[in-house]
Each structure stands twice: as C-alpha cells, then as structure tokens.
C-alpha cells in the first residue's frame, strides 16, 4: 500500500473518530407507529417485556406527539383509569376525542359511551349514535352491538327492530366483548334502560367468557355481593384472580383488600402486601 493510501486511511479514521466523539452518528428515530406498538407491549406485558405502565405512558406520549391516533386513545384510556398514578378525566376525554376525530374506531366507541353517560361531555344519545356509526363503518363490533341496542329500544333514534337485528349479527361476526361489558353496565346502572341486575349479570358473563378483564372484575363483584345471582365468595375470588392474570389492576386491588380483611378468603396480610406492592410497581416502577 502506498504512503498516500495510508495517509488517506489515517485521515478518514481521524475524521470518523471526531464524529463519534461528538456523538455525530446517524439517528434512526422510532416512528409513531413503532412507539405505539412498544407502548402496547409495556401496557399489556406482551412481546417478551414485563408490564410497565410508566414506560407504556412514555411511549404512548411520544407516539401521540407524532400524531398516532391509537396511541392517543390508549394514553387517554390509561389516564381515565388512573394508571399514570392519578385520574385526569379532562385530559383523558380531550385525548380520546382527538383520537376519534383522527379516525380511531376504539376512540369513537369510547366517545359514544361518554356521550351516553355524560362523561367529560354533555349527555347526547344522538351524538353517541354518530360516534358508534363512525366506528361501525370500520367493522368495530363493540359499536355495532351498541347500535343494535339503541335501535332496538329507540334510544336517540326511532325504533328499528330489523336494523337492530342486522347490527347484532355483524357485532357477533366481528367480536364485541367490550360492547357486552358496556351493555352490562347499562343494565347495572339503569342507563338507557331500567335497572336489571339479572340482565347485567348475563352480559358480564358473556363478556368475561370473551376474555374481557373488566367484565371479569365486575362479574366477580356481582358474585361477591349476590347481585343478579346467588352470592358465591369462592367464585368471586376465582374471577378476581382470573381478571388479575388478564391485567386488571382493579381486580388486583380487590384481591389485596380481601386478603387484608379476610373477606371471602383466608386472611393473609403477607399476600395482601405483596399484591399492593405489585400495584405500586406497575404504576411507579423503581429506576424507570
């Protein structure tokens, strides 16, 4: 190799060394979609990572800043449930509403529910139908089930049994566990229909059978209190355990309370403290 070639290689080496010392290296930033998917893994503890709400929120926040509607909805939902350490209903609704405008069918479904209850917005059944309709056009089974309910009972629209039946058929085709849980809530709380614990129990049972952890938790509560069914503490604990395993922080909290007080289960303060510790770690993991 000639002296000129060696000199060139040495210069190139020194140039690269300077770049590296200045941290001038090509940056390959994660896309909003990648950040959303990363957040989803942290939220649900999938893809080989441990559940970590703080990291999920960090990823969702970055993805939301990049305009990802799914991340906005997920972040809003976590804030609504207080999974960032505090409940911020105003910020939650603002994020979910923005996600709905950007086309997230899950956000559109949630805004429909918010419009029915008046959560963070005025109660408006007609507006709820508009949100459900937008989500249904994207084959959202949960929205289709709620549309079926509203057309069956003439809520926010004229009664139309034929249309209700058509929506129900599509809802079952696409899957509607979240919608089933929402309907159970309607019957439990007397929203859009008269209170009916037995019907609430039926819908929670159906939703829980479709792996909805919130329905499992609420169904456990019905067994514990004997609402809509015969009181059964053992069944309640079984469902709380299953809901906890499926990621329900509410079920984990209920289990911790029951082990602490011995209600429906043998008192076990050590196990209660362990569960409370898991809750704290999920929300505020040390060192992150």
Protein backbone atom coordinates (compact mmCIF):
# COMPACT_ATOMS: atom_id res chain seq x y z
CA UNK A 1 0.00 0.00 0.00
CA UNK A 2 1.39 3.44 -0.97
CA UNK A 3 2.14 6.19 1.52
CA UNK A 4 -0.66 8.27 0.02
CA UNK A 5 -3.18 5.50 0.63
CA UNK A 6 -2.06 5.09 4.23
CA UNK A 7 -2.32 8.83 4.76
CA UNK A 8 -5.86 8.85 3.34
CA UNK A 9 -6.98 5.96 5.58
CA UNK A 10 -5.47 7.64 8.63
CA UNK A 11 -7.28 10.89 7.83
CA UNK A 12 -10.53 9.01 7.37
CA UNK A 13 -10.03 7.24 10.71
CA UNK A 14 -9.39 10.52 12.50
CA UNK A 15 -12.45 12.09 10.88
CA UNK A 16 -14.70 9.23 11.99
CA UNK A 17 -13.21 9.39 15.49
CA UNK A 18 -14.10 13.06 15.70
CA UNK A 19 -17.67 12.37 14.58
CA UNK A 20 -18.06 9.66 17.18
CA UNK A 21 -16.56 11.75 19.96
CA UNK A 22 -19.06 14.47 19.16
CA UNK A 23 -21.88 11.89 19.06
CA UNK A 24 -22.48 12.82 15.45
CA UNK A 25 -23.92 9.49 14.35
CA UNK A 26 -26.90 8.78 12.12
CA UNK A 27 -30.12 8.74 14.16
CA UNK A 28 -32.88 6.32 13.33
CA UNK A 29 -35.83 7.59 15.38
CA UNK A 30 -38.70 5.22 16.05
CA UNK A 31 -41.86 6.03 14.13
CA UNK A 32 -45.11 6.95 15.93
CA UNK A 33 -46.46 3.53 14.95
CA UNK A 34 -43.41 1.77 16.40
CA UNK A 35 -43.72 3.80 19.59
CA UNK A 36 -47.41 2.91 19.89
CA UNK A 37 -46.64 -0.80 19.47
CA UNK A 38 -43.87 -0.51 22.06
CA UNK A 39 -46.29 1.17 24.48
CA UNK A 40 -48.88 -1.54 23.88
CA UNK A 41 -46.35 -4.22 24.83
CA UNK A 42 -45.44 -2.41 28.04
CA UNK A 43 -49.09 -1.81 28.94
CA UNK A 44 -50.12 -5.43 28.49
CA UNK A 45 -46.85 -7.21 29.28
CA UNK A 46 -46.57 -8.88 25.88
CA UNK A 47 -43.76 -9.37 23.37
CA UNK A 48 -41.31 -10.58 25.98
CA UNK A 49 -41.44 -7.46 28.18
CA UNK A 50 -42.79 -7.08 31.71
CA UNK A 51 -45.89 -4.94 32.22
CA UNK A 52 -44.71 -1.41 32.99
CA UNK A 53 -47.32 1.35 32.93
CA UNK A 54 -44.80 4.17 33.25
CA UNK A 55 -42.86 3.02 30.17
CA UNK A 56 -46.15 2.46 28.33
CA UNK A 57 -47.20 6.02 29.06
CA UNK A 58 -43.82 7.37 27.94
CA UNK A 59 -44.08 5.52 24.61
CA UNK A 60 -47.73 6.48 24.08
CA UNK A 61 -46.93 10.12 24.86
CA UNK A 62 -44.17 10.22 22.23
CA UNK A 63 -46.37 8.43 19.68
CA UNK A 64 -49.24 10.82 20.40
CA UNK A 65 -46.96 13.79 19.79
CA UNK A 66 -46.25 12.23 16.40
CA UNK A 67 -49.97 12.14 15.60
CA UNK A 68 -50.72 8.45 16.22
CA UNK A 69 -54.46 8.20 16.99
CA UNK A 70 -54.24 4.72 18.55
CA UNK A 71 -51.62 5.99 21.00
CA UNK A 72 -53.80 9.00 21.89
CA UNK A 73 -56.68 6.68 22.68
CA UNK A 74 -54.51 4.30 24.71
CA UNK A 75 -52.97 7.18 26.67
CA UNK A 76 -56.40 8.71 27.31
CA UNK A 77 -57.75 5.36 28.50
CA UNK A 78 -54.83 4.88 30.90
CA UNK A 79 -55.35 8.37 32.31
CA UNK A 80 -59.07 7.66 32.72
CA UNK A 81 -58.23 4.55 34.77
CA UNK A 82 -55.59 6.37 36.80
CA UNK A 83 -52.81 4.11 35.55
CA UNK A 84 -50.39 7.04 35.44
CA UNK A 85 -50.82 7.48 39.18
CA UNK A 86 -53.72 9.93 39.03
CA UNK A 87 -57.10 10.17 37.34
CA UNK A 88 -57.31 13.06 34.87
CA UNK A 89 -60.77 12.88 33.28
CA UNK A 90 -60.47 16.20 31.47
CA UNK A 91 -57.17 15.35 29.77
CA UNK A 92 -58.38 11.81 29.10
CA UNK A 93 -61.51 12.94 27.25
CA UNK A 94 -59.53 15.55 25.28
CA UNK A 95 -57.11 12.89 24.03
CA UNK A 96 -59.80 10.33 23.24
CA UNK A 97 -61.90 12.93 21.43
CA UNK A 98 -58.90 13.95 19.31
CA UNK A 99 -58.17 10.30 18.54
CA UNK A 100 -61.80 9.84 17.49
CA UNK A 101 -61.55 12.80 15.09
CA UNK A 102 -58.40 11.25 13.62
CA UNK A 103 -60.26 8.01 12.93
CA UNK A 104 -59.57 5.64 15.82
CA UNK A 105 -62.58 3.32 15.99
CA UNK A 106 -61.82 2.45 19.63
CA UNK A 107 -61.82 6.16 20.48
CA UNK A 108 -65.06 6.68 18.54
CA UNK A 109 -66.66 3.85 20.53
CA UNK A 110 -65.42 5.37 23.80
CA UNK A 111 -66.74 8.82 22.87
CA UNK A 112 -70.09 7.19 22.14
CA UNK A 113 -70.09 5.75 25.67
CA UNK A 114 -69.01 9.13 27.09
CA UNK A 115 -71.91 10.79 25.26
CA UNK A 116 -74.39 8.31 26.76
CA UNK A 117 -73.21 8.81 30.35
CA UNK A 118 -72.19 12.45 30.01
CA UNK A 119 -68.58 11.68 30.98
CA UNK A 120 -66.48 14.78 30.27
CA UNK A 121 -69.09 15.98 27.80
CA UNK A 122 -72.81 16.64 27.64
CA UNK A 123 -75.17 13.67 27.57
CA UNK A 124 -76.38 13.28 23.99
CA UNK A 125 -77.76 9.99 22.64
CA UNK A 126 -77.92 11.24 19.05
CA UNK A 127 -74.24 12.19 19.17
CA UNK A 128 -73.47 8.78 20.66
CA UNK A 129 -75.09 7.14 17.65
CA UNK A 130 -72.94 9.23 15.30
CA UNK A 131 -69.78 8.09 17.08
CA UNK A 132 -70.92 4.45 17.08
CA UNK A 133 -71.81 4.71 13.40
CA UNK A 134 -68.32 6.02 12.54
CA UNK A 135 -66.73 3.14 14.45
CA UNK A 136 -69.14 0.60 12.95
CA UNK A 137 -68.08 1.62 9.45
CA UNK A 138 -64.63 0.37 10.44
CA UNK A 139 -66.09 -3.00 11.47
CA UNK A 140 -65.93 -2.26 15.18
CA UNK A 141 -68.09 -4.98 16.73
CA UNK A 142 -68.48 -3.17 20.05
CA UNK A 143 -70.01 -0.14 18.34
CA UNK A 144 -72.26 -2.37 16.25
CA UNK A 145 -73.61 -4.05 19.40
CA UNK A 146 -74.40 -0.68 21.00
CA UNK A 147 -76.08 0.50 17.78
CA UNK A 148 -78.18 -2.68 17.88
CA UNK A 149 -79.20 -1.87 21.46
CA UNK A 150 -80.11 1.73 20.63
CA UNK A 151 -82.13 0.85 17.53
CA UNK A 152 -83.89 -1.95 19.42
CA UNK A 153 -85.01 0.40 22.20
CA UNK A 154 -85.34 3.62 20.17
CA UNK A 155 -82.62 5.49 22.08
CA UNK A 156 -81.52 8.61 20.23
CA UNK A 157 -83.26 7.31 17.13
CA UNK A 158 -86.51 5.74 16.03
CA UNK A 159 -87.05 2.08 16.93
CA UNK A 160 -85.99 -0.21 14.11
CA UNK A 161 -86.01 -3.92 15.08
CA UNK A 162 -84.83 -5.06 11.65
CA UNK A 163 -81.82 -2.72 11.72
CA UNK A 164 -81.08 -3.73 15.32
CA UNK A 165 -81.02 -7.39 14.28
CA UNK A 166 -78.69 -6.65 11.36
CA UNK A 167 -76.29 -4.74 13.61
CA UNK A 168 -76.33 -7.56 16.17
CA UNK A 169 -75.42 -10.12 13.52
CA UNK A 170 -72.41 -8.04 12.43
CA UNK A 171 -71.38 -7.38 16.03
CA UNK A 172 -71.19 -11.11 16.72
CA UNK A 173 -69.25 -11.60 13.50
CA UNK A 174 -66.54 -9.06 14.39
CA UNK A 175 -66.45 -9.67 18.17
CA UNK A 176 -67.90 -7.38 20.80
CA UNK A 177 -66.58 -8.23 24.28
CA UNK A 178 -66.14 -4.57 25.18
CA UNK A 179 -69.63 -3.77 23.96
CA UNK A 180 -71.06 -6.63 26.01
CA UNK A 181 -69.37 -5.23 29.10
CA UNK A 182 -70.79 -1.77 28.33
CA UNK A 183 -74.30 -3.17 27.93
CA UNK A 184 -73.94 -4.93 31.27
CA UNK A 185 -73.07 -1.57 32.78
CA UNK A 186 -76.20 -0.03 31.27
CA UNK A 187 -78.41 -2.64 32.96
CA UNK A 188 -76.44 -2.47 36.21
CA UNK A 189 -76.76 1.32 36.46
CA UNK A 190 -80.10 1.86 34.75
CA UNK A 191 -78.62 3.80 31.83
CA UNK A 192 -80.76 3.87 28.63
CA UNK A 193 -82.83 1.03 30.17
CA UNK A 194 -84.37 0.17 33.54
CA UNK A 195 -82.04 -1.34 36.13
CA UNK A 196 -81.91 -5.10 35.81
CA UNK A 197 -79.23 -6.98 37.76
CA UNK A 198 -80.11 -10.28 36.11
CA UNK A 199 -79.53 -8.87 32.61
CA UNK A 200 -76.34 -7.16 33.79
CA UNK A 201 -75.12 -10.49 35.13
CA UNK A 202 -75.87 -12.17 31.78
CA UNK A 203 -73.95 -9.56 29.77
CA UNK A 204 -70.98 -9.54 32.16
CA UNK A 205 -70.87 -13.34 31.97
CA UNK A 206 -70.85 -13.24 28.17
CA UNK A 207 -68.16 -10.55 28.06
CA UNK A 208 -66.00 -12.37 30.63
CA UNK A 209 -66.28 -15.55 28.55
CA UNK A 210 -64.78 -13.50 25.71
CA UNK A 211 -61.76 -12.65 27.90
CA UNK A 212 -62.71 -9.10 28.87
CA UNK A 213 -60.85 -8.46 32.13
CA UNK A 214 -63.08 -5.56 33.18
CA UNK A 215 -66.13 -7.80 32.84
CA UNK A 216 -64.38 -10.49 34.89
CA UNK A 217 -63.76 -7.95 37.65
CA UNK A 218 -67.34 -6.64 37.62
CA UNK A 219 -68.78 -10.14 37.45
CA UNK A 220 -66.68 -11.05 40.50
CA UNK A 221 -68.25 -8.10 42.29
CA UNK A 222 -71.73 -9.37 41.45
CA UNK A 223 -70.90 -12.82 42.84
CA UNK A 224 -69.40 -11.20 45.95
CA UNK A 225 -72.48 -9.04 46.57
CA UNK A 226 -75.10 -11.52 45.37
CA UNK A 227 -76.40 -9.13 42.69
CA UNK A 228 -78.20 -10.83 39.80
CA UNK A 229 -77.10 -14.20 41.13
CA UNK A 230 -76.61 -16.14 44.37
CA UNK A 231 -73.68 -14.83 46.45
CA UNK A 232 -70.61 -17.00 45.94
CA UNK A 233 -67.36 -15.82 47.54
CA UNK A 234 -65.31 -18.64 46.05
CA UNK A 235 -66.49 -17.79 42.54
CA UNK A 236 -65.79 -14.12 43.18
CA UNK A 237 -62.20 -14.85 44.18
CA UNK A 238 -61.77 -17.15 41.19
CA UNK A 239 -62.86 -14.35 38.85
CA UNK A 240 -60.75 -11.71 40.60
CA UNK A 241 -57.72 -13.98 40.17
CA UNK A 242 -58.52 -14.53 36.50
CA UNK A 243 -59.05 -10.80 35.90
CA UNK A 244 -55.78 -10.03 37.68
CA UNK A 245 -53.97 -12.53 35.48
CA UNK A 246 -55.51 -10.81 32.45
CA UNK A 247 -54.14 -7.43 33.53
CA UNK A 248 -56.92 -5.84 35.60
CA UNK A 249 -55.34 -3.56 38.21
CA UNK A 250 -58.82 -3.10 39.72
CA UNK A 251 -59.05 -6.86 40.33
CA UNK A 252 -55.56 -6.90 41.85
CA UNK A 253 -56.63 -4.14 44.25
CA UNK A 254 -59.81 -6.07 45.18
CA UNK A 255 -57.79 -9.21 45.85
CA UNK A 256 -55.36 -7.28 48.03
CA UNK A 257 -58.24 -5.81 50.05
CA UNK A 258 -59.83 -9.23 50.54
CA UNK A 259 -56.60 -10.89 51.66
CA UNK A 260 -56.04 -7.97 54.03
CA UNK A 261 -59.51 -8.21 55.61
CA UNK A 262 -60.17 -11.93 55.16
CA UNK A 263 -63.43 -11.24 53.33
CA UNK A 264 -64.36 -14.32 51.29
CA UNK A 265 -60.86 -15.74 51.65
CA UNK A 266 -58.43 -16.73 54.39
CA UNK A 267 -56.80 -13.61 55.79
CA UNK A 268 -53.22 -13.29 54.53
CA UNK A 269 -51.58 -9.95 55.24
CA UNK A 270 -48.33 -11.03 53.59
CA UNK A 271 -50.12 -11.85 50.33
CA UNK A 272 -52.12 -8.61 50.54
CA UNK A 273 -48.94 -6.56 50.93
CA UNK A 274 -47.36 -8.39 48.00
CA UNK A 275 -50.33 -7.51 45.80
CA UNK A 276 -50.28 -3.88 46.91
CA UNK A 277 -46.57 -3.88 46.10
CA UNK A 278 -47.26 -5.23 42.61
CA UNK A 279 -49.79 -2.45 42.06
CA UNK A 280 -47.29 0.19 43.12
CA UNK A 281 -44.58 -1.31 40.93
CA UNK A 282 -46.89 -1.39 37.90
CA UNK A 283 -47.67 2.30 38.29
CA UNK A 284 -44.34 3.60 39.60
CA UNK A 285 -41.57 1.11 38.76
CA UNK A 286 -38.36 1.93 40.60
CA UNK A 287 -35.48 3.15 38.49
CA UNK A 288 -37.60 3.99 35.43
